[in-house]
Amino acid sequence: NAKNTVYLQMNSLKSEDTAVYYCHVVVHWVDYWGQGTQV
């Protein structure tokens, strides 16, 4: 909360987890997306 940051800890990764990962938030029913990061 102090950093206004959300995290995703990913362990035991598999080949099928390969993808572009997007952060997503909803504020007052409006969707916002990040630019994506490749994993």
PDB file of all heavy atoms in Angstrom:
ATOM      1  N   ASN A   1       0.815  -1.208   0.000  1.00  0.00           N
ATOM      2  CA  ASN A   1       0.000   0.000   0.000  1.00  0.00           C
ATOM      3  C   ASN A   1       0.852   1.263   0.000  1.00  0.00           C
ATOM      4  O   ASN A   1       0.517   2.254  -0.644  1.00  0.00           O
ATOM      5  CB  ASN A   1      -0.924  -0.005   1.210  1.00  0.00           C
ATOM      6  CG  ASN A   1      -1.931  -1.143   1.163  1.00  0.00           C
ATOM      7  OD1 ASN A   1      -2.235  -1.667   0.088  1.00  0.00           O
ATOM      8  ND2 ASN A   1      -2.431  -1.540   2.318  1.00  0.00           N
ATOM      9  N   ALA A   2       1.956   1.221   0.717  1.00  0.00           N
ATOM     10  CA  ALA A   2       2.806   2.408   0.832  1.00  0.00           C
ATOM     11  C   ALA A   2       3.457   2.757  -0.506  1.00  0.00           C
ATOM     12  O   ALA A   2       3.722   3.929  -0.787  1.00  0.00           O
ATOM     13  CB  ALA A   2       3.864   2.181   1.891  1.00  0.00           C
ATOM     14  N   LYS A   3       3.715   1.731  -1.318  1.00  0.00           N
ATOM     15  CA  LYS A   3       4.368   1.951  -2.606  1.00  0.00           C
ATOM     16  C   LYS A   3       3.385   1.994  -3.764  1.00  0.00           C
ATOM     17  O   LYS A   3       3.787   2.159  -4.910  1.00  0.00           O
ATOM     18  CB  LYS A   3       5.406   0.864  -2.855  1.00  0.00           C
ATOM     19  CG  LYS A   3       6.566   0.871  -1.871  1.00  0.00           C
ATOM     20  CD  LYS A   3       7.582  -0.207  -2.206  1.00  0.00           C
ATOM     21  CE  LYS A   3       8.755  -0.163  -1.238  1.00  0.00           C
ATOM     22  NZ  LYS A   3       9.770  -1.218  -1.539  1.00  0.00           N
ATOM     23  N   ASN A   4       2.102   1.811  -3.468  1.00  0.00           N
ATOM     24  CA  ASN A   4       1.081   1.765  -4.532  1.00  0.00           C
ATOM     25  C   ASN A   4       1.490   0.782  -5.627  1.00  0.00           C
ATOM     26  O   ASN A   4       1.436   1.095  -6.829  1.00  0.00           O
ATOM     27  CB  ASN A   4       0.849   3.154  -5.131  1.00  0.00           C
ATOM     28  CG  ASN A   4       0.213   4.092  -4.131  1.00  0.00           C
ATOM     29  OD1 ASN A   4      -0.602   3.686  -3.313  1.00  0.00           O
ATOM     30  ND2 ASN A   4       0.612   5.356  -4.178  1.00  0.00           N
ATOM     31  N   THR A   5       1.889  -0.385  -5.202  1.00  0.00           N
ATOM     32  CA  THR A   5       2.432  -1.384  -6.117  1.00  0.00           C
ATOM     33  C   THR A   5       1.777  -2.733  -5.856  1.00  0.00           C
ATOM     34  O   THR A   5       1.558  -3.108  -4.701  1.00  0.00           O
ATOM     35  CB  THR A   5       3.950  -1.498  -5.954  1.00  0.00           C
ATOM     36  OG1 THR A   5       4.557  -0.236  -6.255  1.00  0.00           O
ATOM     37  CG2 THR A   5       4.529  -2.555  -6.881  1.00  0.00           C
ATOM     38  N   VAL A   6       1.481  -3.422  -6.938  1.00  0.00           N
ATOM     39  CA  VAL A   6       0.965  -4.782  -6.846  1.00  0.00           C
ATOM     40  C   VAL A   6       2.018  -5.722  -7.441  1.00  0.00           C
ATOM     41  O   VAL A   6       2.703  -5.360  -8.401  1.00  0.00           O
ATOM     42  CB  VAL A   6      -0.397  -4.922  -7.571  1.00  0.00           C
ATOM     43  CG1 VAL A   6      -0.288  -4.581  -9.044  1.00  0.00           C
ATOM     44  CG2 VAL A   6      -0.980  -6.308  -7.373  1.00  0.00           C
ATOM     45  N   TYR A   7       2.145  -6.890  -6.850  1.00  0.00           N
ATOM     46  CA  TYR A   7       3.172  -7.836  -7.241  1.00  0.00           C
ATOM     47  C   TYR A   7       2.558  -9.170  -7.682  1.00  0.00           C
ATOM     48  O   TYR A   7       1.446  -9.516  -7.288  1.00  0.00           O
ATOM     49  CB  TYR A   7       4.124  -8.105  -6.073  1.00  0.00           C
ATOM     50  CG  TYR A   7       4.789  -6.888  -5.518  1.00  0.00           C
ATOM     51  CD1 TYR A   7       4.295  -6.273  -4.371  1.00  0.00           C
ATOM     52  CD2 TYR A   7       5.917  -6.348  -6.125  1.00  0.00           C
ATOM     53  CE1 TYR A   7       4.908  -5.146  -3.848  1.00  0.00           C
ATOM     54  CE2 TYR A   7       6.553  -5.226  -5.603  1.00  0.00           C
ATOM     55  CZ  TYR A   7       6.040  -4.626  -4.468  1.00  0.00           C
ATOM     56  OH  TYR A   7       6.649  -3.509  -3.958  1.00  0.00           O
ATOM     57  N   LEU A   8       3.329  -9.889  -8.454  1.00  0.00           N
ATOM     58  CA  LEU A   8       2.987 -11.266  -8.772  1.00  0.00           C
ATOM     59  C   LEU A   8       4.249 -12.097  -8.604  1.00  0.00           C
ATOM     60  O   LEU A   8       5.188 -11.987  -9.402  1.00  0.00           O
ATOM     61  CB  LEU A   8       2.451 -11.406 -10.197  1.00  0.00           C
ATOM     62  CG  LEU A   8       1.970 -12.813 -10.561  1.00  0.00           C
ATOM     63  CD1 LEU A   8       0.708 -13.168  -9.763  1.00  0.00           C
ATOM     64  CD2 LEU A   8       1.683 -12.939 -12.060  1.00  0.00           C
ATOM     65  N   GLN A   9       4.281 -12.877  -7.524  1.00  0.00           N
ATOM     66  CA  GLN A   9       5.397 -13.787  -7.291  1.00  0.00           C
ATOM     67  C   GLN A   9       5.095 -15.089  -8.006  1.00  0.00           C
ATOM     68  O   GLN A   9       4.063 -15.711  -7.764  1.00  0.00           O
ATOM     69  CB  GLN A   9       5.573 -14.041  -5.799  1.00  0.00           C
ATOM     70  CG  GLN A   9       6.662 -15.049  -5.470  1.00  0.00           C
ATOM     71  CD  GLN A   9       8.045 -14.536  -5.803  1.00  0.00           C
ATOM     72  OE1 GLN A   9       8.401 -13.406  -5.474  1.00  0.00           O
ATOM     73  NE2 GLN A   9       8.845 -15.358  -6.469  1.00  0.00           N
ATOM     74  N   MET A  10       5.998 -15.470  -8.889  1.00  0.00           N
ATOM     75  CA  MET A  10       5.789 -16.676  -9.700  1.00  0.00           C
ATOM     76  C   MET A  10       6.892 -17.680  -9.385  1.00  0.00           C
ATOM     77  O   MET A  10       8.075 -17.402  -9.607  1.00  0.00           O
ATOM     78  CB  MET A  10       5.812 -16.320 -11.191  1.00  0.00           C
ATOM     79  CG  MET A  10       4.814 -15.232 -11.568  1.00  0.00           C
ATOM     80  SD  MET A  10       4.748 -14.895 -13.343  1.00  0.00           S
ATOM     81  CE  MET A  10       6.380 -14.203 -13.589  1.00  0.00           C
ATOM     82  N   ASN A  11       6.491 -18.819  -8.857  1.00  0.00           N
ATOM     83  CA  ASN A  11       7.431 -19.887  -8.511  1.00  0.00           C
ATOM     84  C   ASN A  11       7.144 -21.127  -9.356  1.00  0.00           C
ATOM     85  O   ASN A  11       6.074 -21.258  -9.946  1.00  0.00           O
ATOM     86  CB  ASN A  11       7.313 -20.230  -7.029  1.00  0.00           C
ATOM     87  CG  ASN A  11       7.648 -19.068  -6.130  1.00  0.00           C
ATOM     88  OD1 ASN A  11       8.484 -18.223  -6.445  1.00  0.00           O
ATOM     89  ND2 ASN A  11       6.976 -19.002  -4.985  1.00  0.00           N
ATOM     90  N   SER A  12       8.106 -22.016  -9.379  1.00  0.00           N
ATOM     91  CA  SER A  12       7.958 -23.287 -10.103  1.00  0.00           C
ATOM     92  C   SER A  12       7.460 -23.047 -11.522  1.00  0.00           C
ATOM     93  O   SER A  12       6.510 -23.689 -11.992  1.00  0.00           O
ATOM     94  CB  SER A  12       6.994 -24.218  -9.349  1.00  0.00           C
ATOM     95  OG  SER A  12       7.445 -24.454  -8.042  1.00  0.00           O
ATOM     96  N   LEU A  13       8.106 -22.145 -12.198  1.00  0.00           N
ATOM     97  CA  LEU A  13       7.644 -21.754 -13.525  1.00  0.00           C
ATOM     98  C   LEU A  13       7.777 -22.884 -14.528  1.00  0.00           C
ATOM     99  O   LEU A  13       8.720 -23.693 -14.472  1.00  0.00           O
ATOM    100  CB  LEU A  13       8.415 -20.523 -14.000  1.00  0.00           C
ATOM    101  CG  LEU A  13       7.949 -19.211 -13.358  1.00  0.00           C
ATOM    102  CD1 LEU A  13       9.002 -18.131 -13.489  1.00  0.00           C
ATOM    103  CD2 LEU A  13       6.639 -18.758 -13.983  1.00  0.00           C
ATOM    104  N   LYS A  14       6.808 -22.924 -15.430  1.00  0.00           N
ATOM    105  CA  LYS A  14       6.744 -23.942 -16.469  1.00  0.00           C
ATOM    106  C   LYS A  14       6.807 -23.266 -17.842  1.00  0.00           C
ATOM    107  O   LYS A  14       6.517 -22.067 -17.966  1.00  0.00           O
ATOM    108  CB  LYS A  14       5.439 -24.730 -16.350  1.00  0.00           C
ATOM    109  CG  LYS A  14       5.181 -25.343 -14.985  1.00  0.00           C
ATOM    110  CD  LYS A  14       3.806 -25.991 -14.935  1.00  0.00           C
ATOM    111  CE  LYS A  14       3.518 -26.581 -13.569  1.00  0.00           C
ATOM    112  NZ  LYS A  14       2.169 -27.225 -13.518  1.00  0.00           N
ATOM    113  N   SER A  15       7.108 -24.042 -18.844  1.00  0.00           N
ATOM    114  CA  SER A  15       7.200 -23.474 -20.191  1.00  0.00           C
ATOM    115  C   SER A  15       5.863 -22.869 -20.622  1.00  0.00           C
ATOM    116  O   SER A  15       5.828 -21.856 -21.333  1.00  0.00           O
ATOM    117  CB  SER A  15       7.646 -24.540 -21.187  1.00  0.00           C
ATOM    118  OG  SER A  15       6.762 -25.645 -21.167  1.00  0.00           O
ATOM    119  N   GLU A  16       4.781 -23.454 -20.148  1.00  0.00           N
ATOM    120  CA  GLU A  16       3.459 -22.939 -20.520  1.00  0.00           C
ATOM    121  C   GLU A  16       3.112 -21.621 -19.843  1.00  0.00           C
ATOM    122  O   GLU A  16       2.077 -21.029 -20.137  1.00  0.00           O
ATOM    123  CB  GLU A  16       2.360 -23.971 -20.239  1.00  0.00           C
ATOM    124  CG  GLU A  16       2.376 -24.556 -18.852  1.00  0.00           C
ATOM    125  CD  GLU A  16       3.088 -25.899 -18.797  1.00  0.00           C
ATOM    126  OE1 GLU A  16       4.188 -26.026 -19.406  1.00  0.00           O
ATOM    127  OE2 GLU A  16       2.565 -26.812 -18.138  1.00  0.00           O
ATOM    128  N   ASP A  17       3.957 -21.163 -18.941  1.00  0.00           N
ATOM    129  CA  ASP A  17       3.765 -19.841 -18.341  1.00  0.00           C
ATOM    130  C   ASP A  17       4.341 -18.738 -19.224  1.00  0.00           C
ATOM    131  O   ASP A  17       4.159 -17.552 -18.934  1.00  0.00           O
ATOM    132  CB  ASP A  17       4.432 -19.768 -16.967  1.00  0.00           C
ATOM    133  CG  ASP A  17       3.797 -20.704 -15.957  1.00  0.00           C
ATOM    134  OD1 ASP A  17       2.543 -20.783 -15.923  1.00  0.00           O
ATOM    135  OD2 ASP A  17       4.539 -21.351 -15.200  1.00  0.00           O
ATOM    136  N   THR A  18       5.026 -19.113 -20.275  1.00  0.00           N
ATOM    137  CA  THR A  18       5.585 -18.128 -21.185  1.00  0.00           C
ATOM    138  C   THR A  18       4.479 -17.301 -21.823  1.00  0.00           C
ATOM    139  O   THR A  18       3.543 -17.849 -22.411  1.00  0.00           O
ATOM    140  CB  THR A  18       6.412 -18.819 -22.288  1.00  0.00           C
ATOM    141  OG1 THR A  18       7.546 -19.453 -21.701  1.00  0.00           O
ATOM    142  CG2 THR A  18       6.875 -17.816 -23.332  1.00  0.00           C
ATOM    143  N   ALA A  19       4.578 -15.984 -21.675  1.00  0.00           N
ATOM    144  CA  ALA A  19       3.539 -15.085 -22.175  1.00  0.00           C
ATOM    145  C   ALA A  19       3.946 -13.642 -21.890  1.00  0.00           C
ATOM    146  O   ALA A  19       4.925 -13.393 -21.178  1.00  0.00           O
ATOM    147  CB  ALA A  19       2.202 -15.371 -21.493  1.00  0.00           C
ATOM    148  N   VAL A  20       3.176 -12.729 -22.436  1.00  0.00           N
ATOM    149  CA  VAL A  20       3.271 -11.331 -22.029  1.00  0.00           C
ATOM    150  C   VAL A  20       2.291 -11.146 -20.873  1.00  0.00           C
ATOM    151  O   VAL A  20       1.111 -11.501 -20.990  1.00  0.00           O
ATOM    152  CB  VAL A  20       2.942 -10.363 -23.177  1.00  0.00           C
ATOM    153  CG1 VAL A  20       2.990  -8.922 -22.677  1.00  0.00           C
ATOM    154  CG2 VAL A  20       3.905 -10.573 -24.338  1.00  0.00           C
ATOM    155  N   TYR A  21       2.784 -10.621 -19.793  1.00  0.00           N
ATOM    156  CA  TYR A  21       1.971 -10.425 -18.593  1.00  0.00           C
ATOM    157  C   TYR A  21       1.587  -8.950 -18.487  1.00  0.00           C
ATOM    158  O   TYR A  21       2.440  -8.067 -18.601  1.00  0.00           O
ATOM    159  CB  TYR A  21       2.742 -10.866 -17.350  1.00  0.00           C
ATOM    160  CG  TYR A  21       2.794 -12.365 -17.213  1.00  0.00           C
ATOM    161  CD1 TYR A  21       3.565 -13.137 -18.085  1.00  0.00           C
ATOM    162  CD2 TYR A  21       2.068 -13.021 -16.220  1.00  0.00           C
ATOM    163  CE1 TYR A  21       3.596 -14.508 -17.971  1.00  0.00           C
ATOM    164  CE2 TYR A  21       2.104 -14.408 -16.098  1.00  0.00           C
ATOM    165  CZ  TYR A  21       2.863 -15.145 -16.989  1.00  0.00           C
ATOM    166  OH  TYR A  21       2.893 -16.512 -16.881  1.00  0.00           O
ATOM    167  N   TYR A  22       0.292  -8.732 -18.251  1.00  0.00           N
ATOM    168  CA  TYR A  22      -0.258  -7.382 -18.181  1.00  0.00           C
ATOM    169  C   TYR A  22      -0.834  -7.109 -16.803  1.00  0.00           C
ATOM    170  O   TYR A  22      -1.603  -7.913 -16.270  1.00  0.00           O
ATOM    171  CB  TYR A  22      -1.377  -7.196 -19.205  1.00  0.00           C
ATOM    172  CG  TYR A  22      -0.937  -7.321 -20.641  1.00  0.00           C
ATOM    173  CD1 TYR A  22      -0.970  -8.552 -21.283  1.00  0.00           C
ATOM    174  CD2 TYR A  22      -0.496  -6.207 -21.349  1.00  0.00           C
ATOM    175  CE1 TYR A  22      -0.568  -8.678 -22.606  1.00  0.00           C
ATOM    176  CE2 TYR A  22      -0.096  -6.318 -22.664  1.00  0.00           C
ATOM    177  CZ  TYR A  22      -0.131  -7.555 -23.292  1.00  0.00           C
ATOM    178  OH  TYR A  22       0.263  -7.668 -24.595  1.00  0.00           O
ATOM    179  N   CYS A  23      -0.475  -5.979 -16.281  1.00  0.00           N
ATOM    180  CA  CYS A  23      -1.098  -5.496 -15.058  1.00  0.00           C
ATOM    181  C   CYS A  23      -2.447  -4.873 -15.420  1.00  0.00           C
ATOM    182  O   CYS A  23      -2.578  -4.203 -16.461  1.00  0.00           O
ATOM    183  CB  CYS A  23      -0.196  -4.455 -14.407  1.00  0.00           C
ATOM    184  SG  CYS A  23      -0.825  -3.776 -12.856  1.00  0.00           S
ATOM    185  N   HIS A  24      -3.423  -5.079 -14.563  1.00  0.00           N
ATOM    186  CA  HIS A  24      -4.777  -4.587 -14.829  1.00  0.00           C
ATOM    187  C   HIS A  24      -5.386  -4.087 -13.528  1.00  0.00           C
ATOM    188  O   HIS A  24      -5.265  -4.739 -12.489  1.00  0.00           O
ATOM    189  CB  HIS A  24      -5.632  -5.734 -15.390  1.00  0.00           C
ATOM    190  CG  HIS A  24      -7.086  -5.436 -15.475  1.00  0.00           C
ATOM    191  ND1 HIS A  24      -7.998  -5.915 -14.556  1.00  0.00           N
ATOM    192  CD2 HIS A  24      -7.806  -4.715 -16.374  1.00  0.00           C
ATOM    193  CE1 HIS A  24      -9.212  -5.499 -14.884  1.00  0.00           C
ATOM    194  NE2 HIS A  24      -9.123  -4.780 -15.980  1.00  0.00           N
ATOM    195  N   VAL A  25      -6.022  -2.932 -13.596  1.00  0.00           N
ATOM    196  CA  VAL A  25      -6.748  -2.427 -12.427  1.00  0.00           C
ATOM    197  C   VAL A  25      -8.111  -1.912 -12.865  1.00  0.00           C
ATOM    198  O   VAL A  25      -8.307  -1.544 -14.024  1.00  0.00           O
ATOM    199  CB  VAL A  25      -5.983  -1.308 -11.680  1.00  0.00           C
ATOM    200  CG1 VAL A  25      -4.605  -1.778 -11.246  1.00  0.00           C
ATOM    201  CG2 VAL A  25      -5.887  -0.042 -12.513  1.00  0.00           C
ATOM    202  N   VAL A  26      -9.024  -1.899 -11.932  1.00  0.00           N
ATOM    203  CA  VAL A  26     -10.355  -1.363 -12.152  1.00  0.00           C
ATOM    204  C   VAL A  26     -10.585  -0.260 -11.138  1.00  0.00           C
ATOM    205  O   VAL A  26     -10.422  -0.487  -9.922  1.00  0.00           O
ATOM    206  CB  VAL A  26     -11.437  -2.448 -12.003  1.00  0.00           C
ATOM    207  CG1 VAL A  26     -12.821  -1.834 -12.230  1.00  0.00           C
ATOM    208  CG2 VAL A  26     -11.196  -3.597 -12.961  1.00  0.00           C
ATOM    209  N   VAL A  27     -10.935   0.906 -11.636  1.00  0.00           N
ATOM    210  CA  VAL A  27     -11.228   2.046 -10.768  1.00  0.00           C
ATOM    211  C   VAL A  27     -12.581   2.600 -11.190  1.00  0.00           C
ATOM    212  O   VAL A  27     -12.726   3.083 -12.315  1.00  0.00           O
ATOM    213  CB  VAL A  27     -10.147   3.132 -10.883  1.00  0.00           C
ATOM    214  CG1 VAL A  27     -10.491   4.316  -9.971  1.00  0.00           C
ATOM    215  CG2 VAL A  27      -8.773   2.566 -10.539  1.00  0.00           C
ATOM    216  N   HIS A  28     -13.535   2.505 -10.312  1.00  0.00           N
ATOM    217  CA  HIS A  28     -14.897   2.989 -10.599  1.00  0.00           C
ATOM    218  C   HIS A  28     -15.405   2.418 -11.926  1.00  0.00           C
ATOM    219  O   HIS A  28     -15.872   3.169 -12.801  1.00  0.00           O
ATOM    220  CB  HIS A  28     -14.919   4.521 -10.620  1.00  0.00           C
ATOM    221  CG  HIS A  28     -14.489   5.137  -9.315  1.00  0.00           C
ATOM    222  ND1 HIS A  28     -14.872   4.645  -8.094  1.00  0.00           N
ATOM    223  CD2 HIS A  28     -13.687   6.197  -9.056  1.00  0.00           C
ATOM    224  CE1 HIS A  28     -14.329   5.367  -7.132  1.00  0.00           C
ATOM    225  NE2 HIS A  28     -13.596   6.325  -7.686  1.00  0.00           N
ATOM    226  N   TRP A  29     -15.280   1.116 -12.075  1.00  0.00           N
ATOM    227  CA  TRP A  29     -15.783   0.367 -13.222  1.00  0.00           C
ATOM    228  C   TRP A  29     -15.050   0.668 -14.520  1.00  0.00           C
ATOM    229  O   TRP A  29     -15.496   0.265 -15.604  1.00  0.00           O
ATOM    230  CB  TRP A  29     -17.288   0.618 -13.432  1.00  0.00           C
ATOM    231  CG  TRP A  29     -18.078   0.261 -12.229  1.00  0.00           C
ATOM    232  CD1 TRP A  29     -18.450  -0.989 -11.808  1.00  0.00           C
ATOM    233  CD2 TRP A  29     -18.590   1.173 -11.245  1.00  0.00           C
ATOM    234  NE1 TRP A  29     -19.147  -0.903 -10.635  1.00  0.00           N
ATOM    235  CE2 TRP A  29     -19.256   0.405 -10.260  1.00  0.00           C
ATOM    236  CE3 TRP A  29     -18.532   2.562 -11.099  1.00  0.00           C
ATOM    237  CZ2 TRP A  29     -19.867   0.981  -9.150  1.00  0.00           C
ATOM    238  CZ3 TRP A  29     -19.146   3.129 -10.000  1.00  0.00           C
ATOM    239  CH2 TRP A  29     -19.805   2.347  -9.046  1.00  0.00           C
ATOM    240  N   VAL A  30     -13.920   1.336 -14.461  1.00  0.00           N
ATOM    241  CA  VAL A  30     -13.105   1.613 -15.647  1.00  0.00           C
ATOM    242  C   VAL A  30     -11.847   0.754 -15.589  1.00  0.00           C
ATOM    243  O   VAL A  30     -11.189   0.685 -14.539  1.00  0.00           O
ATOM    244  CB  VAL A  30     -12.724   3.104 -15.736  1.00  0.00           C
ATOM    245  CG1 VAL A  30     -11.828   3.351 -16.953  1.00  0.00           C
ATOM    246  CG2 VAL A  30     -13.971   3.969 -15.804  1.00  0.00           C
ATOM    247  N   ASP A  31     -11.542   0.098 -16.722  1.00  0.00           N
ATOM    248  CA  ASP A  31     -10.372  -0.770 -16.792  1.00  0.00           C
ATOM    249  C   ASP A  31      -9.138   0.005 -17.265  1.00  0.00           C
ATOM    250  O   ASP A  31      -9.221   0.814 -18.197  1.00  0.00           O
ATOM    251  CB  ASP A  31     -10.624  -1.915 -17.783  1.00  0.00           C
ATOM    252  CG  ASP A  31     -11.715  -2.842 -17.326  1.00  0.00           C
ATOM    253  OD1 ASP A  31     -11.412  -3.731 -16.512  1.00  0.00           O
ATOM    254  OD2 ASP A  31     -12.863  -2.655 -17.776  1.00  0.00           O
ATOM    255  N   TYR A  32      -8.011  -0.306 -16.642  1.00  0.00           N
ATOM    256  CA  TYR A  32      -6.724   0.252 -17.059  1.00  0.00           C
ATOM    257  C   TYR A  32      -5.729  -0.892 -17.201  1.00  0.00           C
ATOM    258  O   TYR A  32      -5.744  -1.838 -16.398  1.00  0.00           O
ATOM    259  CB  TYR A  32      -6.213   1.267 -16.037  1.00  0.00           C
ATOM    260  CG  TYR A  32      -7.113   2.466 -15.869  1.00  0.00           C
ATOM    261  CD1 TYR A  32      -8.117   2.473 -14.905  1.00  0.00           C
ATOM    262  CD2 TYR A  32      -6.964   3.586 -16.682  1.00  0.00           C
ATOM    263  CE1 TYR A  32      -8.958   3.563 -14.757  1.00  0.00           C
ATOM    264  CE2 TYR A  32      -7.794   4.689 -16.529  1.00  0.00           C
ATOM    265  CZ  TYR A  32      -8.792   4.669 -15.570  1.00  0.00           C
ATOM    266  OH  TYR A  32      -9.616   5.756 -15.433  1.00  0.00           O
ATOM    267  N   TRP A  33      -4.859  -0.750 -18.215  1.00  0.00           N
ATOM    268  CA  TRP A  33      -3.889  -1.805 -18.506  1.00  0.00           C
ATOM    269  C   TRP A  33      -2.473  -1.252 -18.561  1.00  0.00           C
ATOM    270  O   TRP A  33      -2.248  -0.122 -19.006  1.00  0.00           O
ATOM    271  CB  TRP A  33      -4.211  -2.441 -19.865  1.00  0.00           C
ATOM    272  CG  TRP A  33      -5.514  -3.175 -19.894  1.00  0.00           C
ATOM    273  CD1 TRP A  33      -6.742  -2.673 -20.225  1.00  0.00           C
ATOM    274  CD2 TRP A  33      -5.728  -4.546 -19.574  1.00  0.00           C
ATOM    275  NE1 TRP A  33      -7.698  -3.657 -20.138  1.00  0.00           N
ATOM    276  CE2 TRP A  33      -7.103  -4.813 -19.741  1.00  0.00           C
ATOM    277  CE3 TRP A  33      -4.883  -5.589 -19.181  1.00  0.00           C
ATOM    278  CZ2 TRP A  33      -7.652  -6.083 -19.501  1.00  0.00           C
ATOM    279  CZ3 TRP A  33      -5.439  -6.833 -18.954  1.00  0.00           C
ATOM    280  CH2 TRP A  33      -6.805  -7.067 -19.120  1.00  0.00           C
ATOM    281  N   GLY A  34      -1.542  -2.089 -18.135  1.00  0.00           N
ATOM    282  CA  GLY A  34      -0.148  -1.766 -18.306  1.00  0.00           C
ATOM    283  C   GLY A  34       0.296  -2.116 -19.718  1.00  0.00           C
ATOM    284  O   GLY A  34      -0.469  -2.654 -20.517  1.00  0.00           O
ATOM    285  N   GLN A  35       1.557  -1.833 -20.002  1.00  0.00           N
ATOM    286  CA  GLN A  35       2.073  -2.047 -21.345  1.00  0.00           C
ATOM    287  C   GLN A  35       2.483  -3.494 -21.589  1.00  0.00           C
ATOM    288  O   GLN A  35       2.667  -3.893 -22.738  1.00  0.00           O
ATOM    289  CB  GLN A  35       3.281  -1.121 -21.599  1.00  0.00           C
ATOM    290  CG  GLN A  35       4.601  -1.591 -20.996  1.00  0.00           C
ATOM    291  CD  GLN A  35       4.708  -1.350 -19.494  1.00  0.00           C
ATOM    292  OE1 GLN A  35       3.797  -0.824 -18.861  1.00  0.00           O
ATOM    293  NE2 GLN A  35       5.849  -1.735 -18.938  1.00  0.00           N
ATOM    294  N   GLY A  36       2.587  -4.258 -20.545  1.00  0.00           N
ATOM    295  CA  GLY A  36       2.954  -5.669 -20.669  1.00  0.00           C
ATOM    296  C   GLY A  36       4.436  -5.900 -20.463  1.00  0.00           C
ATOM    297  O   GLY A  36       5.271  -5.051 -20.803  1.00  0.00           O
ATOM    298  N   THR A  37       4.744  -7.050 -19.895  1.00  0.00           N
ATOM    299  CA  THR A  37       6.131  -7.440 -19.697  1.00  0.00           C
ATOM    300  C   THR A  37       6.275  -8.910 -20.085  1.00  0.00           C
ATOM    301  O   THR A  37       5.447  -9.741 -19.723  1.00  0.00           O
ATOM    302  CB  THR A  37       6.592  -7.189 -18.250  1.00  0.00           C
ATOM    303  OG1 THR A  37       7.992  -7.483 -18.127  1.00  0.00           O
ATOM    304  CG2 THR A  37       5.814  -8.016 -17.240  1.00  0.00           C
ATOM    305  N   GLN A  38       7.319  -9.212 -20.838  1.00  0.00           N
ATOM    306  CA  GLN A  38       7.497 -10.559 -21.356  1.00  0.00           C
ATOM    307  C   GLN A  38       8.111 -11.473 -20.300  1.00  0.00           C
ATOM    308  O   GLN A  38       9.112 -11.116 -19.661  1.00  0.00           O
ATOM    309  CB  GLN A  38       8.405 -10.532 -22.590  1.00  0.00           C
ATOM    310  CG  GLN A  38       8.724 -11.902 -23.172  1.00  0.00           C
ATOM    311  CD  GLN A  38       7.524 -12.546 -23.844  1.00  0.00           C
ATOM    312  OE1 GLN A  38       6.808 -11.900 -24.612  1.00  0.00           O
ATOM    313  NE2 GLN A  38       7.301 -13.834 -23.564  1.00  0.00           N
ATOM    314  N   VAL A  39       7.512 -12.639 -20.161  1.00  0.00           N
ATOM    315  CA  VAL A  39       8.072 -13.704 -19.328  1.00  0.00           C
ATOM    316  C   VAL A  39       8.298 -14.910 -20.231  1.00  0.00           C
ATOM    317  O   VAL A  39       7.367 -15.384 -20.879  1.00  0.00           O
ATOM    318  CB  VAL A  39       7.121 -14.076 -18.172  1.00  0.00           C
ATOM    319  CG1 VAL A  39       7.626 -15.323 -17.447  1.00  0.00           C
ATOM    320  CG2 VAL A  39       6.976 -12.912 -17.205  1.00  0.00           C
TER     321      VAL A  39
END
